[in-house]
Amino acid sequence: MPLPRGFKLDADSRTRLGSQLIRLAHRYDRALAERLARFKLAPTHYEILKLLYAAPDYSLSHSQLAEAMGITLPSITLAVRKLGAMRMIGQQRATDRRTRLVSLSVKGAEFLAPLYDEVESFTAQLFAAVPEKGAAPFLAAIQALLARLTAMQEQPNTSAAR
């Protein structure tokens, strides 16, 4: 369907906010990837190491990692393979043999300590621009947007049927 003849770009502030959030996410992701590149890691790898370190017994299943990070199981599998090749983590089957458990290795924990300080310092400096009072409503708004996006993605695409 073609655009209407008198089509004009909407200057709605919410639309611009969406564009700015996308730009912020991309720039943050690139800056984080640059900081992690010298360690031969991607942001996904760093997040997995952090989640494993925070787990009660330093281990989680592939499904738990995927759910916590909001990414697919194949993405987790690829990241776990790379971390395993670097000896940062270990893998084994659970007692039911269907579940794969990933455990943080001693090398992974030792590697994470200085990396954590550097990355969290960078993140803290960046997000210091958000005042403490504004952080909670900002986080609530982002969570509401993510929930709405998930619900919209789960609905069948009715416009494609036209």
C-alpha atoms as a PDB file:
ATOM      1  CA  MET A   1       0.000   0.000   0.000  1.00  0.00           C
ATOM      2  CA  PRO A   2       1.523   3.340  -1.017  1.00  0.00           C
ATOM      3  CA  LEU A   3       1.918   6.213   1.413  1.00  0.00           C
ATOM      4  CA  PRO A   4      -0.715   8.968   1.311  1.00  0.00           C
ATOM      5  CA  ARG A   5       0.041  11.927  -0.958  1.00  0.00           C
ATOM      6  CA  GLY A   6       0.349  14.454   1.874  1.00  0.00           C
ATOM      7  CA  PHE A   7       2.604  12.210   3.966  1.00  0.00           C
ATOM      8  CA  LYS A   8       4.792  14.090   6.448  1.00  0.00           C
ATOM      9  CA  LEU A   9       7.186  12.798   9.045  1.00  0.00           C
ATOM     10  CA  ASP A  10       5.537  12.887  12.444  1.00  0.00           C
ATOM     11  CA  ALA A  11       7.416  14.984  14.962  1.00  0.00           C
ATOM     12  CA  ASP A  12       5.782  13.122  17.831  1.00  0.00           C
ATOM     13  CA  SER A  13       8.119  13.042  20.809  1.00  0.00           C
ATOM     14  CA  ARG A  14       7.372   9.367  21.534  1.00  0.00           C
ATOM     15  CA  THR A  15       8.432   8.397  18.021  1.00  0.00           C
ATOM     16  CA  ARG A  16      11.659  10.361  18.405  1.00  0.00           C
ATOM     17  CA  LEU A  17      12.187   8.741  21.795  1.00  0.00           C
ATOM     18  CA  GLY A  18      12.055   5.323  20.134  1.00  0.00           C
ATOM     19  CA  SER A  19      14.665   6.382  17.604  1.00  0.00           C
ATOM     20  CA  GLN A  20      16.895   7.796  20.329  1.00  0.00           C
ATOM     21  CA  LEU A  21      16.602   4.611  22.407  1.00  0.00           C
ATOM     22  CA  ILE A  22      17.609   2.552  19.387  1.00  0.00           C
ATOM     23  CA  ARG A  23      20.593   4.821  18.748  1.00  0.00           C
ATOM     24  CA  LEU A  24      21.619   4.640  22.430  1.00  0.00           C
ATOM     25  CA  ALA A  25      21.344   0.840  22.444  1.00  0.00           C
ATOM     26  CA  HIS A  26      23.469   0.503  19.298  1.00  0.00           C
ATOM     27  CA  ARG A  27      26.134   2.925  20.493  1.00  0.00           C
ATOM     28  CA  TYR A  28      26.278   1.323  23.958  1.00  0.00           C
ATOM     29  CA  ASP A  29      26.541  -2.136  22.409  1.00  0.00           C
ATOM     30  CA  ARG A  30      29.369  -0.990  20.100  1.00  0.00           C
ATOM     31  CA  ALA A  31      31.248   0.718  22.947  1.00  0.00           C
ATOM     32  CA  LEU A  32      30.885  -2.351  25.141  1.00  0.00           C
ATOM     33  CA  ALA A  33      31.989  -4.643  22.298  1.00  0.00           C
ATOM     34  CA  GLU A  34      35.086  -2.465  21.766  1.00  0.00           C
ATOM     35  CA  ARG A  35      36.012  -2.743  25.444  1.00  0.00           C
ATOM     36  CA  LEU A  36      35.525  -6.509  25.431  1.00  0.00           C
ATOM     37  CA  ALA A  37      37.308  -7.100  22.092  1.00  0.00           C
ATOM     38  CA  ARG A  38      40.752  -6.910  23.653  1.00  0.00           C
ATOM     39  CA  PHE A  39      39.695  -9.820  25.881  1.00  0.00           C
ATOM     40  CA  LYS A  40      38.397 -11.669  22.780  1.00  0.00           C
ATOM     41  CA  LEU A  41      34.857 -11.598  24.174  1.00  0.00           C
ATOM     42  CA  ALA A  42      31.499 -10.328  22.967  1.00  0.00           C
ATOM     43  CA  PRO A  43      28.847  -8.745  25.230  1.00  0.00           C
ATOM     44  CA  THR A  44      26.971 -12.065  25.229  1.00  0.00           C
ATOM     45  CA  HIS A  45      30.034 -13.890  26.582  1.00  0.00           C
ATOM     46  CA  TYR A  46      30.500 -11.323  29.328  1.00  0.00           C
ATOM     47  CA  GLU A  47      26.835 -11.583  30.327  1.00  0.00           C
ATOM     48  CA  ILE A  48      27.065 -15.383  30.534  1.00  0.00           C
ATOM     49  CA  LEU A  49      30.137 -15.178  32.776  1.00  0.00           C
ATOM     50  CA  LYS A  50      28.349 -12.680  35.036  1.00  0.00           C
ATOM     51  CA  LEU A  51      25.211 -14.822  35.277  1.00  0.00           C
ATOM     52  CA  LEU A  52      27.249 -17.928  36.114  1.00  0.00           C
ATOM     53  CA  TYR A  53      29.207 -16.066  38.776  1.00  0.00           C
ATOM     54  CA  ALA A  54      25.957 -14.861  40.365  1.00  0.00           C
ATOM     55  CA  ALA A  55      24.370 -18.347  40.318  1.00  0.00           C
ATOM     56  CA  PRO A  56      24.314 -20.124  43.703  1.00  0.00           C
ATOM     57  CA  ASP A  57      26.538 -23.028  42.591  1.00  0.00           C
ATOM     58  CA  TYR A  58      28.200 -21.161  39.680  1.00  0.00           C
ATOM     59  CA  SER A  59      26.209 -23.180  37.144  1.00  0.00           C
ATOM     60  CA  LEU A  60      23.051 -22.773  35.074  1.00  0.00           C
ATOM     61  CA  SER A  61      21.369 -24.713  32.295  1.00  0.00           C
ATOM     62  CA  HIS A  62      21.357 -23.508  28.713  1.00  0.00           C
ATOM     63  CA  SER A  63      17.630 -22.781  29.073  1.00  0.00           C
ATOM     64  CA  GLN A  64      18.152 -20.715  32.215  1.00  0.00           C
ATOM     65  CA  LEU A  65      20.849 -18.662  30.478  1.00  0.00           C
ATOM     66  CA  ALA A  66      18.670 -18.109  27.404  1.00  0.00           C
ATOM     67  CA  GLU A  67      15.709 -17.010  29.521  1.00  0.00           C
ATOM     68  CA  ALA A  68      17.783 -14.698  31.708  1.00  0.00           C
ATOM     69  CA  MET A  69      19.383 -13.037  28.697  1.00  0.00           C
ATOM     70  CA  GLY A  70      16.334 -13.011  26.433  1.00  0.00           C
ATOM     71  CA  ILE A  71      18.114 -14.759  23.567  1.00  0.00           C
ATOM     72  CA  THR A  72      17.658 -18.071  21.762  1.00  0.00           C
ATOM     73  CA  LEU A  73      19.115 -21.437  22.744  1.00  0.00           C
ATOM     74  CA  PRO A  74      21.226 -21.640  19.545  1.00  0.00           C
ATOM     75  CA  SER A  75      22.821 -18.292  20.479  1.00  0.00           C
ATOM     76  CA  ILE A  76      23.614 -19.638  23.950  1.00  0.00           C
ATOM     77  CA  THR A  77      25.078 -22.809  22.452  1.00  0.00           C
ATOM     78  CA  LEU A  78      27.438 -20.827  20.200  1.00  0.00           C
ATOM     79  CA  ALA A  79      28.558 -18.535  23.020  1.00  0.00           C
ATOM     80  CA  VAL A  80      29.063 -21.481  25.391  1.00  0.00           C
ATOM     81  CA  ARG A  81      31.201 -23.266  22.780  1.00  0.00           C
ATOM     82  CA  LYS A  82      33.502 -20.261  22.481  1.00  0.00           C
ATOM     83  CA  LEU A  83      33.760 -19.807  26.249  1.00  0.00           C
ATOM     84  CA  GLY A  84      34.414 -23.539  26.597  1.00  0.00           C
ATOM     85  CA  ALA A  85      37.212 -23.373  24.030  1.00  0.00           C
ATOM     86  CA  MET A  86      38.735 -20.548  26.081  1.00  0.00           C
ATOM     87  CA  ARG A  87      38.442 -22.751  29.222  1.00  0.00           C
ATOM     88  CA  MET A  88      36.281 -20.106  30.951  1.00  0.00           C
ATOM     89  CA  ILE A  89      33.447 -22.558  31.534  1.00  0.00           C
ATOM     90  CA  GLY A  90      32.774 -26.266  31.681  1.00  0.00           C
ATOM     91  CA  GLN A  91      29.773 -28.213  30.448  1.00  0.00           C
ATOM     92  CA  GLN A  92      28.106 -31.437  31.455  1.00  0.00           C
ATOM     93  CA  ARG A  93      24.761 -33.184  31.173  1.00  0.00           C
ATOM     94  CA  ALA A  94      22.377 -33.037  34.109  1.00  0.00           C
ATOM     95  CA  THR A  95      21.050 -36.208  35.723  1.00  0.00           C
ATOM     96  CA  ASP A  96      18.056 -36.318  33.354  1.00  0.00           C
ATOM     97  CA  ARG A  97      20.490 -36.236  30.364  1.00  0.00           C
ATOM     98  CA  ARG A  98      18.292 -33.753  28.452  1.00  0.00           C
ATOM     99  CA  THR A  99      19.573 -30.673  30.243  1.00  0.00           C
ATOM    100  CA  ARG A 100      23.027 -29.266  29.616  1.00  0.00           C
ATOM    101  CA  LEU A 101      24.623 -27.481  32.564  1.00  0.00           C
ATOM    102  CA  VAL A 102      27.240 -24.780  32.165  1.00  0.00           C
ATOM    103  CA  SER A 103      29.613 -24.095  35.063  1.00  0.00           C
ATOM    104  CA  LEU A 104      32.035 -21.248  35.590  1.00  0.00           C
ATOM    105  CA  SER A 105      35.623 -22.491  35.738  1.00  0.00           C
ATOM    106  CA  VAL A 106      38.275 -21.154  38.107  1.00  0.00           C
ATOM    107  CA  LYS A 107      39.960 -19.532  35.102  1.00  0.00           C
ATOM    108  CA  GLY A 108      36.629 -17.919  34.140  1.00  0.00           C
ATOM    109  CA  ALA A 109      36.114 -16.536  37.649  1.00  0.00           C
ATOM    110  CA  GLU A 110      39.661 -15.162  37.799  1.00  0.00           C
ATOM    111  CA  PHE A 111      39.267 -13.661  34.327  1.00  0.00           C
ATOM    112  CA  LEU A 112      35.933 -12.057  35.248  1.00  0.00           C
ATOM    113  CA  ALA A 113      37.217 -10.047  38.237  1.00  0.00           C
ATOM    114  CA  PRO A 114      39.233  -7.328  36.412  1.00  0.00           C
ATOM    115  CA  LEU A 115      36.855  -7.434  33.452  1.00  0.00           C
ATOM    116  CA  TYR A 116      33.876  -6.843  35.738  1.00  0.00           C
ATOM    117  CA  ASP A 117      35.521  -3.794  37.309  1.00  0.00           C
ATOM    118  CA  GLU A 118      36.270  -2.250  33.920  1.00  0.00           C
ATOM    119  CA  VAL A 119      32.888  -2.905  32.293  1.00  0.00           C
ATOM    120  CA  GLU A 120      30.798  -1.967  35.321  1.00  0.00           C
ATOM    121  CA  SER A 121      32.817   1.219  35.761  1.00  0.00           C
ATOM    122  CA  PHE A 122      32.147   2.158  32.138  1.00  0.00           C
ATOM    123  CA  THR A 123      28.430   1.422  32.550  1.00  0.00           C
ATOM    124  CA  ALA A 124      28.224   3.344  35.827  1.00  0.00           C
ATOM    125  CA  GLN A 125      29.903   6.378  34.259  1.00  0.00           C
ATOM    126  CA  LEU A 126      27.532   6.306  31.299  1.00  0.00           C
ATOM    127  CA  PHE A 127      24.337   5.873  33.301  1.00  0.00           C
ATOM    128  CA  ALA A 128      25.337   8.428  35.929  1.00  0.00           C
ATOM    129  CA  ALA A 129      23.549  10.803  33.538  1.00  0.00           C
ATOM    130  CA  VAL A 130      20.265   9.282  34.778  1.00  0.00           C
ATOM    131  CA  PRO A 131      19.459  10.845  38.153  1.00  0.00           C
ATOM    132  CA  GLU A 132      18.782   8.426  41.010  1.00  0.00           C
ATOM    133  CA  LYS A 133      15.185   9.664  41.301  1.00  0.00           C
ATOM    134  CA  GLY A 134      14.605   9.085  37.594  1.00  0.00           C
ATOM    135  CA  ALA A 135      16.119   5.609  37.422  1.00  0.00           C
ATOM    136  CA  ALA A 136      13.155   3.635  38.812  1.00  0.00           C
ATOM    137  CA  PRO A 137      10.488   5.153  36.525  1.00  0.00           C
ATOM    138  CA  PHE A 138      12.895   4.902  33.580  1.00  0.00           C
ATOM    139  CA  LEU A 139      13.484   1.206  34.278  1.00  0.00           C
ATOM    140  CA  ALA A 140       9.746   0.599  34.717  1.00  0.00           C
ATOM    141  CA  ALA A 141       9.048   2.293  31.368  1.00  0.00           C
ATOM    142  CA  ILE A 142      11.696   0.177  29.602  1.00  0.00           C
ATOM    143  CA  GLN A 143      10.280  -3.027  31.124  1.00  0.00           C
ATOM    144  CA  ALA A 144       6.764  -2.021  30.033  1.00  0.00           C
ATOM    145  CA  LEU A 145       8.037  -1.351  26.498  1.00  0.00           C
ATOM    146  CA  LEU A 146       9.782  -4.726  26.364  1.00  0.00           C
ATOM    147  CA  ALA A 147       6.636  -6.504  27.600  1.00  0.00           C
ATOM    148  CA  ARG A 148       4.505  -4.661  25.032  1.00  0.00           C
ATOM    149  CA  LEU A 149       6.938  -5.525  22.240  1.00  0.00           C
ATOM    150  CA  THR A 150       6.902  -9.186  23.249  1.00  0.00           C
ATOM    151  CA  ALA A 151       3.091  -9.209  23.233  1.00  0.00           C
ATOM    152  CA  MET A 152       3.008  -7.529  19.823  1.00  0.00           C
ATOM    153  CA  GLN A 153       5.483 -10.047  18.398  1.00  0.00           C
ATOM    154  CA  GLU A 154       3.415 -12.945  19.712  1.00  0.00           C
ATOM    155  CA  GLN A 155       0.257 -11.700  17.946  1.00  0.00           C
ATOM    156  CA  PRO A 156      -0.279 -12.958  14.413  1.00  0.00           C
ATOM    157  CA  ASN A 157       0.623 -10.333  11.849  1.00  0.00           C
ATOM    158  CA  THR A 158      -2.782  -9.302  10.516  1.00  0.00           C
ATOM    159  CA  SER A 159      -1.489  -6.651   8.128  1.00  0.00           C
ATOM    160  CA  ALA A 160       0.491  -9.262   6.162  1.00  0.00           C
ATOM    161  CA  ALA A 161      -2.728 -11.134   5.368  1.00  0.00           C
ATOM    162  CA  ARG A 162      -4.182  -8.166   3.466  1.00  0.00           C
END
